[in-house]
Amino acid sequence: MKTLRDNCTELGAKILTHTPAKKLLCDRRGNISGVVAESKEGEFTIAAKCIIIATGGYGNNREMLKKYLPNYHDTITYDGPPSNTGDGITWPSKSAQQRPAWARPTFMALSSSPNRIPTP
């Protein structure tokens, strides 16, 4: 992450930490044109030509697991970061009429108890 941060800063990017994006903004043609974000000081808008969405998965969100994993069962446990709640996957679809192809669910690490991994 340090290398990524250093390279972005060198290229003039401003990195905001502890500043979650709340929704994407779209122009008249439906292109993403910015975000509404929130910091300790409150909510604000950032206009941008390019948005990089780099969020975690949804391994800690049982509702999304049930929806997207056909072999999900209640004995599956998640051993990843507790922050992987799927919010970065769902909020783009709240801003646009349809969820873009890039916002589809991704694979995450799951384990099954007792020592059993469901097979498709």
PDB file of N, CA and C in Angstrom:
ATOM      1  N   MET A   1       0.816  -1.188   0.000  1.00  0.00           N
ATOM      2  CA  MET A   1       0.000   0.000   0.000  1.00  0.00           C
ATOM      3  C   MET A   1       0.865   1.261   0.000  1.00  0.00           C
ATOM      4  N   LYS A   2       2.015   1.194   0.659  1.00  0.00           N
ATOM      5  CA  LYS A   2       2.877   2.369   0.703  1.00  0.00           C
ATOM      6  C   LYS A   2       3.326   2.767  -0.698  1.00  0.00           C
ATOM      7  N   THR A   3       3.688   1.797  -1.515  1.00  0.00           N
ATOM      8  CA  THR A   3       4.129   2.094  -2.881  1.00  0.00           C
ATOM      9  C   THR A   3       2.993   2.714  -3.683  1.00  0.00           C
ATOM     10  N   LEU A   4       1.799   2.163  -3.558  1.00  0.00           N
ATOM     11  CA  LEU A   4       0.637   2.713  -4.259  1.00  0.00           C
ATOM     12  C   LEU A   4       0.379   4.147  -3.803  1.00  0.00           C
ATOM     13  N   ARG A   5       0.384   4.358  -2.510  1.00  0.00           N
ATOM     14  CA  ARG A   5       0.152   5.706  -1.955  1.00  0.00           C
ATOM     15  C   ARG A   5       1.217   6.681  -2.453  1.00  0.00           C
ATOM     16  N   ASP A   6       2.484   6.271  -2.397  1.00  0.00           N
ATOM     17  CA  ASP A   6       3.575   7.144  -2.838  1.00  0.00           C
ATOM     18  C   ASP A   6       3.446   7.497  -4.317  1.00  0.00           C
ATOM     19  N   ASN A   7       3.146   6.499  -5.145  1.00  0.00           N
ATOM     20  CA  ASN A   7       3.006   6.750  -6.586  1.00  0.00           C
ATOM     21  C   ASN A   7       1.825   7.666  -6.881  1.00  0.00           C
ATOM     22  N   CYS A   8       0.710   7.442  -6.219  1.00  0.00           N
ATOM     23  CA  CYS A   8      -0.467   8.295  -6.431  1.00  0.00           C
ATOM     24  C   CYS A   8      -0.182   9.728  -6.008  1.00  0.00           C
ATOM     25  N   THR A   9       0.446   9.897  -4.864  1.00  0.00           N
ATOM     26  CA  THR A   9       0.779  11.234  -4.367  1.00  0.00           C
ATOM     27  C   THR A   9       1.738  11.937  -5.327  1.00  0.00           C
ATOM     28  N   GLU A  10       2.721  11.192  -5.823  1.00  0.00           N
ATOM     29  CA  GLU A  10       3.682  11.766  -6.768  1.00  0.00           C
ATOM     30  C   GLU A  10       3.003  12.245  -8.049  1.00  0.00           C
ATOM     31  N   LEU A  11       1.928  11.562  -8.440  1.00  0.00           N
ATOM     32  CA  LEU A  11       1.199  11.936  -9.651  1.00  0.00           C
ATOM     33  C   LEU A  11       0.134  13.008  -9.394  1.00  0.00           C
ATOM     34  N   GLY A  12       0.033  13.470  -8.160  1.00  0.00           N
ATOM     35  CA  GLY A  12      -0.883  14.560  -7.856  1.00  0.00           C
ATOM     36  C   GLY A  12      -2.235  14.135  -7.297  1.00  0.00           C
ATOM     37  N   ALA A  13      -2.409  12.850  -7.028  1.00  0.00           N
ATOM     38  CA  ALA A  13      -3.681  12.386  -6.468  1.00  0.00           C
ATOM     39  C   ALA A  13      -3.760  12.762  -4.985  1.00  0.00           C
ATOM     40  N   LYS A  14      -4.963  13.095  -4.549  1.00  0.00           N
ATOM     41  CA  LYS A  14      -5.182  13.373  -3.133  1.00  0.00           C
ATOM     42  C   LYS A  14      -5.873  12.151  -2.534  1.00  0.00           C
ATOM     43  N   ILE A  15      -5.284  11.598  -1.504  1.00  0.00           N
ATOM     44  CA  ILE A  15      -5.829  10.394  -0.867  1.00  0.00           C
ATOM     45  C   ILE A  15      -6.531  10.806   0.418  1.00  0.00           C
ATOM     46  N   LEU A  16      -7.789  10.445   0.528  1.00  0.00           N
ATOM     47  CA  LEU A  16      -8.585  10.769   1.718  1.00  0.00           C
ATOM     48  C   LEU A  16      -8.830   9.488   2.503  1.00  0.00           C
ATOM     49  N   THR A  17      -8.339   9.424   3.713  1.00  0.00           N
ATOM     50  CA  THR A  17      -8.591   8.264   4.561  1.00  0.00           C
ATOM     51  C   THR A  17      -9.692   8.607   5.555  1.00  0.00           C
ATOM     52  N   HIS A  18     -10.326   7.591   6.086  1.00  0.00           N
ATOM     53  CA  HIS A  18     -11.428   7.773   7.040  1.00  0.00           C
ATOM     54  C   HIS A  18     -12.491   8.705   6.447  1.00  0.00           C
ATOM     55  N   THR A  19     -12.712   8.543   5.150  1.00  0.00           N
ATOM     56  CA  THR A  19     -13.664   9.383   4.415  1.00  0.00           C
ATOM     57  C   THR A  19     -14.488   8.489   3.493  1.00  0.00           C
ATOM     58  N   PRO A  20     -15.473   7.795   4.035  1.00  0.00           N
ATOM     59  CA  PRO A  20     -16.240   6.881   3.187  1.00  0.00           C
ATOM     60  C   PRO A  20     -17.082   7.606   2.142  1.00  0.00           C
ATOM     61  N   ALA A  21     -17.109   7.048   0.960  1.00  0.00           N
ATOM     62  CA  ALA A  21     -17.997   7.552  -0.094  1.00  0.00           C
ATOM     63  C   ALA A  21     -19.412   7.090   0.234  1.00  0.00           C
ATOM     64  N   LYS A  22     -20.368   7.963   0.063  1.00  0.00           N
ATOM     65  CA  LYS A  22     -21.764   7.643   0.368  1.00  0.00           C
ATOM     66  C   LYS A  22     -22.577   7.324  -0.881  1.00  0.00           C
ATOM     67  N   LYS A  23     -22.244   7.990  -1.997  1.00  0.00           N
ATOM     68  CA  LYS A  23     -22.940   7.682  -3.250  1.00  0.00           C
ATOM     69  C   LYS A  23     -22.152   8.219  -4.430  1.00  0.00           C
ATOM     70  N   LEU A  24     -22.371   7.590  -5.579  1.00  0.00           N
ATOM     71  CA  LEU A  24     -21.751   8.041  -6.815  1.00  0.00           C
ATOM     72  C   LEU A  24     -22.633   9.090  -7.460  1.00  0.00           C
ATOM     73  N   LEU A  25     -22.026  10.042  -8.123  1.00  0.00           N
ATOM     74  CA  LEU A  25     -22.766  11.053  -8.874  1.00  0.00           C
ATOM     75  C   LEU A  25     -22.619  10.753 -10.358  1.00  0.00           C
ATOM     76  N   CYS A  26     -23.682  10.955 -11.107  1.00  0.00           N
ATOM     77  CA  CYS A  26     -23.658  10.689 -12.543  1.00  0.00           C
ATOM     78  C   CYS A  26     -24.085  11.939 -13.302  1.00  0.00           C
ATOM     79  N   ASP A  27     -23.503  12.105 -14.492  1.00  0.00           N
ATOM     80  CA  ASP A  27     -23.901  13.228 -15.332  1.00  0.00           C
ATOM     81  C   ASP A  27     -25.147  12.855 -16.134  1.00  0.00           C
ATOM     82  N   ARG A  28     -25.568  13.737 -17.038  1.00  0.00           N
ATOM     83  CA  ARG A  28     -26.801  13.513 -17.815  1.00  0.00           C
ATOM     84  C   ARG A  28     -26.739  12.258 -18.671  1.00  0.00           C
ATOM     85  N   ARG A  29     -25.536  11.867 -19.083  1.00  0.00           N
ATOM     86  CA  ARG A  29     -25.384  10.680 -19.932  1.00  0.00           C
ATOM     87  C   ARG A  29     -25.207   9.397 -19.127  1.00  0.00           C
ATOM     88  N   GLY A  30     -25.190   9.514 -17.813  1.00  0.00           N
ATOM     89  CA  GLY A  30     -25.039   8.343 -16.958  1.00  0.00           C
ATOM     90  C   GLY A  30     -23.602   7.999 -16.612  1.00  0.00           C
ATOM     91  N   ASN A  31     -22.658   8.849 -17.021  1.00  0.00           N
ATOM     92  CA  ASN A  31     -21.261   8.619 -16.679  1.00  0.00           C
ATOM     93  C   ASN A  31     -20.996   9.086 -15.247  1.00  0.00           C
ATOM     94  N   ILE A  32     -20.162   8.362 -14.537  1.00  0.00           N
ATOM     95  CA  ILE A  32     -19.823   8.753 -13.177  1.00  0.00           C
ATOM     96  C   ILE A  32     -19.032  10.053 -13.226  1.00  0.00           C
ATOM     97  N   SER A  33     -19.466  11.029 -12.432  1.00  0.00           N
ATOM     98  CA  SER A  33     -18.841  12.360 -12.464  1.00  0.00           C
ATOM     99  C   SER A  33     -18.309  12.808 -11.106  1.00  0.00           C
ATOM    100  N   GLY A  34     -18.453  11.977 -10.095  1.00  0.00           N
ATOM    101  CA  GLY A  34     -17.961  12.330  -8.771  1.00  0.00           C
ATOM    102  C   GLY A  34     -18.580  11.474  -7.697  1.00  0.00           C
ATOM    103  N   VAL A  35     -18.322  11.853  -6.458  1.00  0.00           N
ATOM    104  CA  VAL A  35     -18.868  11.135  -5.311  1.00  0.00           C
ATOM    105  C   VAL A  35     -19.300  12.124  -4.233  1.00  0.00           C
ATOM    106  N   VAL A  36     -20.228  11.675  -3.416  1.00  0.00           N
ATOM    107  CA  VAL A  36     -20.550  12.369  -2.176  1.00  0.00           C
ATOM    108  C   VAL A  36     -19.844  11.564  -1.090  1.00  0.00           C
ATOM    109  N   ALA A  37     -19.017  12.235  -0.297  1.00  0.00           N
ATOM    110  CA  ALA A  37     -18.239  11.573   0.744  1.00  0.00           C
ATOM    111  C   ALA A  37     -18.544  12.205   2.093  1.00  0.00           C
ATOM    112  N   GLU A  38     -18.070  11.544   3.151  1.00  0.00           N
ATOM    113  CA  GLU A  38     -18.321  12.058   4.492  1.00  0.00           C
ATOM    114  C   GLU A  38     -17.052  11.947   5.327  1.00  0.00           C
ATOM    115  N   SER A  39     -16.724  13.035   6.003  1.00  0.00           N
ATOM    116  CA  SER A  39     -15.584  13.051   6.921  1.00  0.00           C
ATOM    117  C   SER A  39     -16.087  13.510   8.281  1.00  0.00           C
ATOM    118  N   LYS A  40     -15.180  13.699   9.214  1.00  0.00           N
ATOM    119  CA  LYS A  40     -15.559  14.193  10.544  1.00  0.00           C
ATOM    120  C   LYS A  40     -16.246  15.547  10.462  1.00  0.00           C
ATOM    121  N   GLU A  41     -15.857  16.345   9.452  1.00  0.00           N
ATOM    122  CA  GLU A  41     -16.426  17.684   9.286  1.00  0.00           C
ATOM    123  C   GLU A  41     -17.806  17.670   8.641  1.00  0.00           C
ATOM    124  N   GLY A  42     -18.209  16.541   8.070  1.00  0.00           N
ATOM    125  CA  GLY A  42     -19.517  16.447   7.440  1.00  0.00           C
ATOM    126  C   GLY A  42     -19.439  15.938   6.014  1.00  0.00           C
ATOM    127  N   GLU A  43     -20.571  16.007   5.330  1.00  0.00           N
ATOM    128  CA  GLU A  43     -20.701  15.505   3.966  1.00  0.00           C
ATOM    129  C   GLU A  43     -20.226  16.548   2.955  1.00  0.00           C
ATOM    130  N   PHE A  44     -19.574  16.091   1.886  1.00  0.00           N
ATOM    131  CA  PHE A  44     -19.116  17.007   0.839  1.00  0.00           C
ATOM    132  C   PHE A  44     -19.059  16.270  -0.494  1.00  0.00           C
ATOM    133  N   THR A  45     -18.982  17.035  -1.578  1.00  0.00           N
ATOM    134  CA  THR A  45     -18.975  16.486  -2.931  1.00  0.00           C
ATOM    135  C   THR A  45     -17.591  16.614  -3.545  1.00  0.00           C
ATOM    136  N   ILE A  46     -17.189  15.578  -4.252  1.00  0.00           N
ATOM    137  CA  ILE A  46     -15.920  15.586  -4.981  1.00  0.00           C
ATOM    138  C   ILE A  46     -16.239  15.332  -6.449  1.00  0.00           C
ATOM    139  N   ALA A  47     -15.956  16.306  -7.315  1.00  0.00           N
ATOM    140  CA  ALA A  47     -16.117  16.116  -8.758  1.00  0.00           C
ATOM    141  C   ALA A  47     -14.860  15.423  -9.271  1.00  0.00           C
ATOM    142  N   ALA A  48     -15.013  14.492 -10.201  1.00  0.00           N
ATOM    143  CA  ALA A  48     -13.839  13.753 -10.687  1.00  0.00           C
ATOM    144  C   ALA A  48     -14.073  13.227 -12.095  1.00  0.00           C
ATOM    145  N   LYS A  49     -12.993  13.150 -12.859  1.00  0.00           N
ATOM    146  CA  LYS A  49     -13.047  12.548 -14.186  1.00  0.00           C
ATOM    147  C   LYS A  49     -12.944  11.038 -14.090  1.00  0.00           C
ATOM    148  N   CYS A  50     -12.354  10.555 -13.015  1.00  0.00           N
ATOM    149  CA  CYS A  50     -12.115   9.125 -12.850  1.00  0.00           C
ATOM    150  C   CYS A  50     -12.336   8.755 -11.386  1.00  0.00           C
ATOM    151  N   ILE A  51     -12.998   7.651 -11.145  1.00  0.00           N
ATOM    152  CA  ILE A  51     -13.240   7.161  -9.797  1.00  0.00           C
ATOM    153  C   ILE A  51     -12.681   5.744  -9.704  1.00  0.00           C
ATOM    154  N   ILE A  52     -11.910   5.473  -8.677  1.00  0.00           N
ATOM    155  CA  ILE A  52     -11.423   4.119  -8.419  1.00  0.00           C
ATOM    156  C   ILE A  52     -12.157   3.611  -7.189  1.00  0.00           C
ATOM    157  N   ILE A  53     -12.900   2.535  -7.368  1.00  0.00           N
ATOM    158  CA  ILE A  53     -13.599   1.938  -6.243  1.00  0.00           C
ATOM    159  C   ILE A  53     -12.763   0.754  -5.779  1.00  0.00           C
ATOM    160  N   ALA A  54     -12.186   0.884  -4.612  1.00  0.00           N
ATOM    161  CA  ALA A  54     -11.315  -0.158  -4.062  1.00  0.00           C
ATOM    162  C   ALA A  54     -11.813  -0.495  -2.665  1.00  0.00           C
ATOM    163  N   THR A  55     -12.779  -1.378  -2.621  1.00  0.00           N
ATOM    164  CA  THR A  55     -13.371  -1.746  -1.339  1.00  0.00           C
ATOM    165  C   THR A  55     -13.205  -3.236  -1.107  1.00  0.00           C
ATOM    166  N   GLY A  56     -13.552  -3.665   0.071  1.00  0.00           N
ATOM    167  CA  GLY A  56     -13.483  -5.082   0.402  1.00  0.00           C
ATOM    168  C   GLY A  56     -14.632  -5.858  -0.194  1.00  0.00           C
ATOM    169  N   GLY A  57     -14.693  -7.106   0.137  1.00  0.00           N
ATOM    170  CA  GLY A  57     -15.740  -7.996  -0.367  1.00  0.00           C
ATOM    171  C   GLY A  57     -16.969  -7.984   0.524  1.00  0.00           C
ATOM    172  N   TYR A  58     -17.670  -9.114   0.552  1.00  0.00           N
ATOM    173  CA  TYR A  58     -18.903  -9.195   1.337  1.00  0.00           C
ATOM    174  C   TYR A  58     -18.936 -10.442   2.212  1.00  0.00           C
ATOM    175  N   GLY A  59     -17.765 -10.957   2.543  1.00  0.00           N
ATOM    176  CA  GLY A  59     -17.688 -12.186   3.331  1.00  0.00           C
ATOM    177  C   GLY A  59     -18.297 -12.082   4.716  1.00  0.00           C
ATOM    178  N   ASN A  60     -18.433 -10.890   5.256  1.00  0.00           N
ATOM    179  CA  ASN A  60     -19.005 -10.699   6.577  1.00  0.00           C
ATOM    180  C   ASN A  60     -20.458 -10.209   6.499  1.00  0.00           C
ATOM    181  N   ASN A  61     -21.125 -10.513   5.392  1.00  0.00           N
ATOM    182  CA  ASN A  61     -22.517 -10.099   5.189  1.00  0.00           C
ATOM    183  C   ASN A  61     -23.323 -11.342   4.804  1.00  0.00           C
ATOM    184  N   ARG A  62     -23.972 -11.945   5.781  1.00  0.00           N
ATOM    185  CA  ARG A  62     -24.694 -13.205   5.540  1.00  0.00           C
ATOM    186  C   ARG A  62     -25.797 -13.074   4.482  1.00  0.00           C
ATOM    187  N   GLU A  63     -26.463 -11.929   4.428  1.00  0.00           N
ATOM    188  CA  GLU A  63     -27.536 -11.762   3.437  1.00  0.00           C
ATOM    189  C   GLU A  63     -26.959 -11.818   2.017  1.00  0.00           C
ATOM    190  N   MET A  64     -25.833 -11.145   1.796  1.00  0.00           N
ATOM    191  CA  MET A  64     -25.216 -11.171   0.465  1.00  0.00           C
ATOM    192  C   MET A  64     -24.656 -12.550   0.151  1.00  0.00           C
ATOM    193  N   LEU A  65     -24.099 -13.221   1.159  1.00  0.00           N
ATOM    194  CA  LEU A  65     -23.601 -14.574   0.931  1.00  0.00           C
ATOM    195  C   LEU A  65     -24.729 -15.496   0.480  1.00  0.00           C
ATOM    196  N   LYS A  66     -25.872 -15.408   1.155  1.00  0.00           N
ATOM    197  CA  LYS A  66     -27.024 -16.229   0.777  1.00  0.00           C
ATOM    198  C   LYS A  66     -27.502 -15.902  -0.634  1.00  0.00           C
ATOM    199  N   LYS A  67     -27.445 -14.629  -0.990  1.00  0.00           N
ATOM    200  CA  LYS A  67     -27.928 -14.195  -2.303  1.00  0.00           C
ATOM    201  C   LYS A  67     -27.005 -14.648  -3.437  1.00  0.00           C
ATOM    202  N   TYR A  68     -25.682 -14.525  -3.238  1.00  0.00           N
ATOM    203  CA  TYR A  68     -24.748 -14.741  -4.333  1.00  0.00           C
ATOM    204  C   TYR A  68     -24.057 -16.105  -4.336  1.00  0.00           C
ATOM    205  N   LEU A  69     -24.134 -16.848  -3.251  1.00  0.00           N
ATOM    206  CA  LEU A  69     -23.482 -18.160  -3.204  1.00  0.00           C
ATOM    207  C   LEU A  69     -24.530 -19.260  -3.108  1.00  0.00           C
ATOM    208  N   PRO A  70     -24.790 -19.963  -4.200  1.00  0.00           N
ATOM    209  CA  PRO A  70     -25.844 -20.980  -4.191  1.00  0.00           C
ATOM    210  C   PRO A  70     -25.592 -22.105  -3.189  1.00  0.00           C
ATOM    211  N   ASN A  71     -24.333 -22.364  -2.841  1.00  0.00           N
ATOM    212  CA  ASN A  71     -24.012 -23.443  -1.902  1.00  0.00           C
ATOM    213  C   ASN A  71     -23.838 -22.957  -0.470  1.00  0.00           C
ATOM    214  N   TYR A  72     -24.245 -21.746  -0.214  1.00  0.00           N
ATOM    215  CA  TYR A  72     -24.109 -21.192   1.135  1.00  0.00           C
ATOM    216  C   TYR A  72     -24.987 -21.966   2.108  1.00  0.00           C
ATOM    217  N   HIS A  73     -24.466 -22.176   3.316  1.00  0.00           N
ATOM    218  CA  HIS A  73     -25.278 -22.715   4.402  1.00  0.00           C
ATOM    219  C   HIS A  73     -24.834 -22.068   5.706  1.00  0.00           C
ATOM    220  N   ASP A  74     -25.658 -22.127   6.713  1.00  0.00           N
ATOM    221  CA  ASP A  74     -25.430 -21.372   7.946  1.00  0.00           C
ATOM    222  C   ASP A  74     -24.217 -21.816   8.751  1.00  0.00           C
ATOM    223  N   THR A  75     -23.620 -22.964   8.425  1.00  0.00           N
ATOM    224  CA  THR A  75     -22.439 -23.391   9.170  1.00  0.00           C
ATOM    225  C   THR A  75     -21.140 -22.855   8.570  1.00  0.00           C
ATOM    226  N   ILE A  76     -21.231 -22.121   7.451  1.00  0.00           N
ATOM    227  CA  ILE A  76     -20.037 -21.521   6.858  1.00  0.00           C
ATOM    228  C   ILE A  76     -19.580 -20.383   7.766  1.00  0.00           C
ATOM    229  N   THR A  77     -18.284 -20.326   8.019  1.00  0.00           N
ATOM    230  CA  THR A  77     -17.733 -19.246   8.820  1.00  0.00           C
ATOM    231  C   THR A  77     -16.823 -18.386   7.951  1.00  0.00           C
ATOM    232  N   TYR A  78     -16.693 -17.158   8.326  1.00  0.00           N
ATOM    233  CA  TYR A  78     -15.863 -16.203   7.585  1.00  0.00           C
ATOM    234  C   TYR A  78     -14.683 -15.804   8.448  1.00  0.00           C
ATOM    235  N   ASP A  79     -13.474 -15.907   7.898  1.00  0.00           N
ATOM    236  CA  ASP A  79     -12.267 -15.621   8.658  1.00  0.00           C
ATOM    237  C   ASP A  79     -11.535 -14.380   8.166  1.00  0.00           C
ATOM    238  N   GLY A  80     -12.192 -13.545   7.380  1.00  0.00           N
ATOM    239  CA  GLY A  80     -11.561 -12.355   6.822  1.00  0.00           C
ATOM    240  C   GLY A  80     -11.829 -11.128   7.662  1.00  0.00           C
ATOM    241  N   PRO A  81     -11.511  -9.962   7.106  1.00  0.00           N
ATOM    242  CA  PRO A  81     -11.712  -8.707   7.853  1.00  0.00           C
ATOM    243  C   PRO A  81     -13.188  -8.458   8.152  1.00  0.00           C
ATOM    244  N   PRO A  82     -13.505  -8.010   9.356  1.00  0.00           N
ATOM    245  CA  PRO A  82     -14.900  -7.726   9.702  1.00  0.00           C
ATOM    246  C   PRO A  82     -15.483  -6.584   8.881  1.00  0.00           C
ATOM    247  N   SER A  83     -14.624  -5.769   8.279  1.00  0.00           N
ATOM    248  CA  SER A  83     -15.104  -4.635   7.484  1.00  0.00           C
ATOM    249  C   SER A  83     -15.640  -5.039   6.117  1.00  0.00           C
ATOM    250  N   ASN A  84     -15.484  -6.297   5.716  1.00  0.00           N
ATOM    251  CA  ASN A  84     -15.985  -6.755   4.419  1.00  0.00           C
ATOM    252  C   ASN A  84     -17.486  -7.022   4.504  1.00  0.00           C
ATOM    253  N   THR A  85     -18.254  -5.941   4.456  1.00  0.00           N
ATOM    254  CA  THR A  85     -19.705  -6.020   4.610  1.00  0.00           C
ATOM    255  C   THR A  85     -20.467  -5.869   3.301  1.00  0.00           C
ATOM    256  N   GLY A  86     -19.751  -5.633   2.202  1.00  0.00           N
ATOM    257  CA  GLY A  86     -20.416  -5.510   0.909  1.00  0.00           C
ATOM    258  C   GLY A  86     -20.898  -4.118   0.573  1.00  0.00           C
ATOM    259  N   ASP A  87     -20.673  -3.143   1.442  1.00  0.00           N
ATOM    260  CA  ASP A  87     -21.190  -1.803   1.174  1.00  0.00           C
ATOM    261  C   ASP A  87     -20.589  -1.195  -0.083  1.00  0.00           C
ATOM    262  N   GLY A  88     -19.348  -1.497  -0.396  1.00  0.00           N
ATOM    263  CA  GLY A  88     -18.729  -0.981  -1.616  1.00  0.00           C
ATOM    264  C   GLY A  88     -19.267  -1.622  -2.876  1.00  0.00           C
ATOM    265  N   ILE A  89     -19.920  -2.765  -2.735  1.00  0.00           N
ATOM    266  CA  ILE A  89     -20.527  -3.437  -3.888  1.00  0.00           C
ATOM    267  C   ILE A  89     -21.945  -2.916  -4.103  1.00  0.00           C
ATOM    268  N   THR A  90     -22.648  -2.644  -3.022  1.00  0.00           N
ATOM    269  CA  THR A  90     -24.051  -2.235  -3.158  1.00  0.00           C
ATOM    270  C   THR A  90     -24.237  -0.756  -3.429  1.00  0.00           C
ATOM    271  N   TRP A  91     -23.355   0.115  -2.934  1.00  0.00           N
ATOM    272  CA  TRP A  91     -23.644   1.538  -3.120  1.00  0.00           C
ATOM    273  C   TRP A  91     -23.551   2.016  -4.547  1.00  0.00           C
ATOM    274  N   PRO A  92     -22.719   1.426  -5.436  1.00  0.00           N
ATOM    275  CA  PRO A  92     -22.802   1.891  -6.831  1.00  0.00           C
ATOM    276  C   PRO A  92     -24.179   1.650  -7.442  1.00  0.00           C
ATOM    277  N   SER A  93     -24.817   0.549  -7.084  1.00  0.00           N
ATOM    278  CA  SER A  93     -26.127   0.252  -7.681  1.00  0.00           C
ATOM    279  C   SER A  93     -27.213   1.175  -7.128  1.00  0.00           C
ATOM    280  N   LYS A  94     -26.969   1.792  -5.985  1.00  0.00           N
ATOM    281  CA  LYS A  94     -27.940   2.748  -5.447  1.00  0.00           C
ATOM    282  C   LYS A  94     -27.898   4.056  -6.211  1.00  0.00           C
ATOM    283  N   SER A  95     -26.769   4.336  -6.869  1.00  0.00           N
ATOM    284  CA  SER A  95     -26.616   5.597  -7.589  1.00  0.00           C
ATOM    285  C   SER A  95     -27.068   5.504  -9.034  1.00  0.00           C
ATOM    286  N   ALA A  96     -26.932   4.357  -9.622  1.00  0.00           N
ATOM    287  CA  ALA A  96     -27.260   4.187 -11.043  1.00  0.00           C
ATOM    288  C   ALA A  96     -28.524   3.340 -11.165  1.00  0.00           C
ATOM    289  N   GLN A  97     -29.111   3.359 -12.329  1.00  0.00           N
ATOM    290  CA  GLN A  97     -30.314   2.557 -12.564  1.00  0.00           C
ATOM    291  C   GLN A  97     -30.005   1.067 -12.487  1.00  0.00           C
ATOM    292  N   GLN A  98     -28.857   0.684 -13.001  1.00  0.00           N
ATOM    293  CA  GLN A  98     -28.454  -0.716 -12.980  1.00  0.00           C
ATOM    294  C   GLN A  98     -27.063  -0.823 -12.411  1.00  0.00           C
ATOM    295  N   ARG A  99     -26.784  -1.946 -11.806  1.00  0.00           N
ATOM    296  CA  ARG A  99     -25.437  -2.183 -11.308  1.00  0.00           C
ATOM    297  C   ARG A  99     -24.505  -2.418 -12.482  1.00  0.00           C
ATOM    298  N   PRO A 100     -23.406  -1.674 -12.577  1.00  0.00           N
ATOM    299  CA  PRO A 100     -22.465  -1.886 -13.670  1.00  0.00           C
ATOM    300  C   PRO A 100     -21.802  -3.256 -13.574  1.00  0.00           C
ATOM    301  N   ALA A 101     -21.285  -3.751 -14.685  1.00  0.00           N
ATOM    302  CA  ALA A 101     -20.669  -5.072 -14.727  1.00  0.00           C
ATOM    303  C   ALA A 101     -19.521  -5.189 -13.731  1.00  0.00           C
ATOM    304  N   TRP A 102     -18.774  -4.108 -13.521  1.00  0.00           N
ATOM    305  CA  TRP A 102     -17.625  -4.177 -12.620  1.00  0.00           C
ATOM    306  C   TRP A 102     -18.028  -4.283 -11.156  1.00  0.00           C
ATOM    307  N   ALA A 103     -19.284  -4.057 -10.834  1.00  0.00           N
ATOM    308  CA  ALA A 103     -19.715  -4.083  -9.435  1.00  0.00           C
ATOM    309  C   ALA A 103     -20.300  -5.427  -9.030  1.00  0.00           C
ATOM    310  N   ARG A 104     -20.112  -6.431  -9.844  1.00  0.00           N
ATOM    311  CA  ARG A 104     -20.635  -7.748  -9.501  1.00  0.00           C
ATOM    312  C   ARG A 104     -19.813  -8.362  -8.369  1.00  0.00           C
ATOM    313  N   PRO A 105     -20.394  -9.275  -7.617  1.00  0.00           N
ATOM    314  CA  PRO A 105     -19.693  -9.868  -6.478  1.00  0.00           C
ATOM    315  C   PRO A 105     -18.415 -10.590  -6.882  1.00  0.00           C
ATOM    316  N   THR A 106     -17.482 -10.627  -5.947  1.00  0.00           N
ATOM    317  CA  THR A 106     -16.210 -11.288  -6.168  1.00  0.00           C
ATOM    318  C   THR A 106     -16.030 -12.428  -5.181  1.00  0.00           C
ATOM    319  N   PHE A 107     -15.057 -13.267  -5.412  1.00  0.00           N
ATOM    320  CA  PHE A 107     -14.773 -14.410  -4.553  1.00  0.00           C
ATOM    321  C   PHE A 107     -14.165 -13.940  -3.239  1.00  0.00           C
ATOM    322  N   MET A 108     -14.509 -14.594  -2.158  1.00  0.00           N
ATOM    323  CA  MET A 108     -13.886 -14.294  -0.883  1.00  0.00           C
ATOM    324  C   MET A 108     -13.568 -15.594  -0.164  1.00  0.00           C
ATOM    325  N   ALA A 109     -12.686 -15.528   0.821  1.00  0.00           N
ATOM    326  CA  ALA A 109     -12.277 -16.719   1.561  1.00  0.00           C
ATOM    327  C   ALA A 109     -13.382 -17.132   2.531  1.00  0.00           C
ATOM    328  N   LEU A 110     -13.797 -18.372   2.413  1.00  0.00           N
ATOM    329  CA  LEU A 110     -14.798 -18.937   3.312  1.00  0.00           C
ATOM    330  C   LEU A 110     -14.282 -20.267   3.824  1.00  0.00           C
ATOM    331  N   SER A 111     -14.705 -20.649   4.996  1.00  0.00           N
ATOM    332  CA  SER A 111     -14.426 -21.996   5.464  1.00  0.00           C
ATOM    333  C   SER A 111     -15.735 -22.577   5.953  1.00  0.00           C
ATOM    334  N   SER A 112     -15.804 -23.889   5.944  1.00  0.00           N
ATOM    335  CA  SER A 112     -17.035 -24.553   6.328  1.00  0.00           C
ATOM    336  C   SER A 112     -16.783 -25.375   7.582  1.00  0.00           C
ATOM    337  N   SER A 113     -17.770 -25.422   8.418  1.00  0.00           N
ATOM    338  CA  SER A 113     -17.620 -26.189   9.648  1.00  0.00           C
ATOM    339  C   SER A 113     -18.667 -27.296   9.647  1.00  0.00           C
ATOM    340  N   PRO A 114     -18.368 -28.498  10.005  1.00  0.00           N
ATOM    341  CA  PRO A 114     -17.076 -29.002  10.453  1.00  0.00           C
ATOM    342  C   PRO A 114     -16.257 -29.555   9.287  1.00  0.00           C
ATOM    343  N   ASN A 115     -15.129 -28.944   8.997  1.00  0.00           N
ATOM    344  CA  ASN A 115     -14.143 -29.389   8.009  1.00  0.00           C
ATOM    345  C   ASN A 115     -14.744 -29.852   6.691  1.00  0.00           C
ATOM    346  N   ARG A 116     -15.720 -29.134   6.225  1.00  0.00           N
ATOM    347  CA  ARG A 116     -16.397 -29.518   5.003  1.00  0.00           C
ATOM    348  C   ARG A 116     -16.604 -28.288   4.143  1.00  0.00           C
ATOM    349  N   ILE A 117     -16.205 -28.359   2.893  1.00  0.00           N
ATOM    350  CA  ILE A 117     -16.414 -27.247   1.986  1.00  0.00           C
ATOM    351  C   ILE A 117     -17.489 -27.661   0.993  1.00  0.00           C
ATOM    352  N   PRO A 118     -18.554 -26.889   0.859  1.00  0.00           N
ATOM    353  CA  PRO A 118     -19.614 -27.241  -0.081  1.00  0.00           C
ATOM    354  C   PRO A 118     -19.094 -27.255  -1.505  1.00  0.00           C
ATOM    355  N   THR A 119     -19.553 -28.179  -2.271  1.00  0.00           N
ATOM    356  CA  THR A 119     -19.164 -28.272  -3.666  1.00  0.00           C
ATOM    357  C   THR A 119     -20.347 -27.920  -4.551  1.00  0.00           C
ATOM    358  N   PRO A 120     -20.061 -27.333  -5.707  1.00  0.00           N
ATOM    359  CA  PRO A 120     -21.168 -26.948  -6.593  1.00  0.00           C
ATOM    360  C   PRO A 120     -21.905 -28.146  -7.150  1.00  0.00           C
TER     361      PRO A 120
END
